[in-house]
N, C-alpha and C. Protein backbone atom coordinates (compact mmCIF):
# COMPACT_ATOMS: atom_id res chain seq x y z
N UNK A 1 7.09 -34.54 17.87
CA UNK A 1 6.50 -33.77 16.75
C UNK A 1 5.74 -32.57 17.30
N UNK A 2 5.26 -32.72 18.53
CA UNK A 2 4.50 -31.61 19.13
C UNK A 2 5.43 -30.42 19.41
N UNK A 3 6.69 -30.74 19.75
CA UNK A 3 7.65 -29.67 20.03
C UNK A 3 7.83 -28.79 18.80
N UNK A 4 7.93 -29.40 17.64
CA UNK A 4 8.11 -28.65 16.39
C UNK A 4 6.87 -27.80 16.13
N UNK A 5 5.71 -28.35 16.45
CA UNK A 5 4.46 -27.62 16.21
C UNK A 5 4.39 -26.39 17.11
N UNK A 6 4.80 -26.55 18.34
CA UNK A 6 4.72 -25.42 19.28
C UNK A 6 5.69 -24.32 18.85
N UNK A 7 6.78 -24.70 18.24
CA UNK A 7 7.74 -23.69 17.79
C UNK A 7 7.11 -22.82 16.71
N UNK A 8 6.26 -23.43 15.90
CA UNK A 8 5.59 -22.66 14.85
C UNK A 8 4.34 -21.98 15.40
N UNK A 9 3.91 -22.41 16.58
CA UNK A 9 2.72 -21.80 17.17
C UNK A 9 1.45 -22.46 16.64
N UNK A 10 1.59 -23.69 16.11
CA UNK A 10 0.41 -24.38 15.58
C UNK A 10 -0.01 -25.48 16.56
N UNK A 11 -1.24 -25.43 17.00
CA UNK A 11 -1.74 -26.42 17.97
C UNK A 11 -1.95 -27.79 17.33
N UNK A 12 -0.85 -28.46 17.00
CA UNK A 12 -0.98 -29.79 16.40
C UNK A 12 -1.40 -30.79 17.47
N UNK A 13 -1.34 -30.36 18.71
CA UNK A 13 -1.72 -31.26 19.80
C UNK A 13 -3.17 -31.73 19.61
N UNK A 14 -3.99 -30.84 19.01
CA UNK A 14 -5.40 -31.21 18.79
C UNK A 14 -5.49 -32.26 17.70
N UNK A 15 -4.53 -32.26 16.77
CA UNK A 15 -4.55 -33.26 15.70
C UNK A 15 -4.15 -34.62 16.23
N UNK A 16 -3.23 -34.62 17.21
CA UNK A 16 -2.77 -35.89 17.78
C UNK A 16 -3.90 -36.54 18.57
N UNK A 17 -4.70 -35.69 19.20
CA UNK A 17 -5.83 -36.24 19.98
C UNK A 17 -6.94 -36.61 19.01
């Protein structure tokens, strides 16, 4: 899911943490 977020340029990585 992080890959899709990076494609949009949205730091969803912070949401996962």
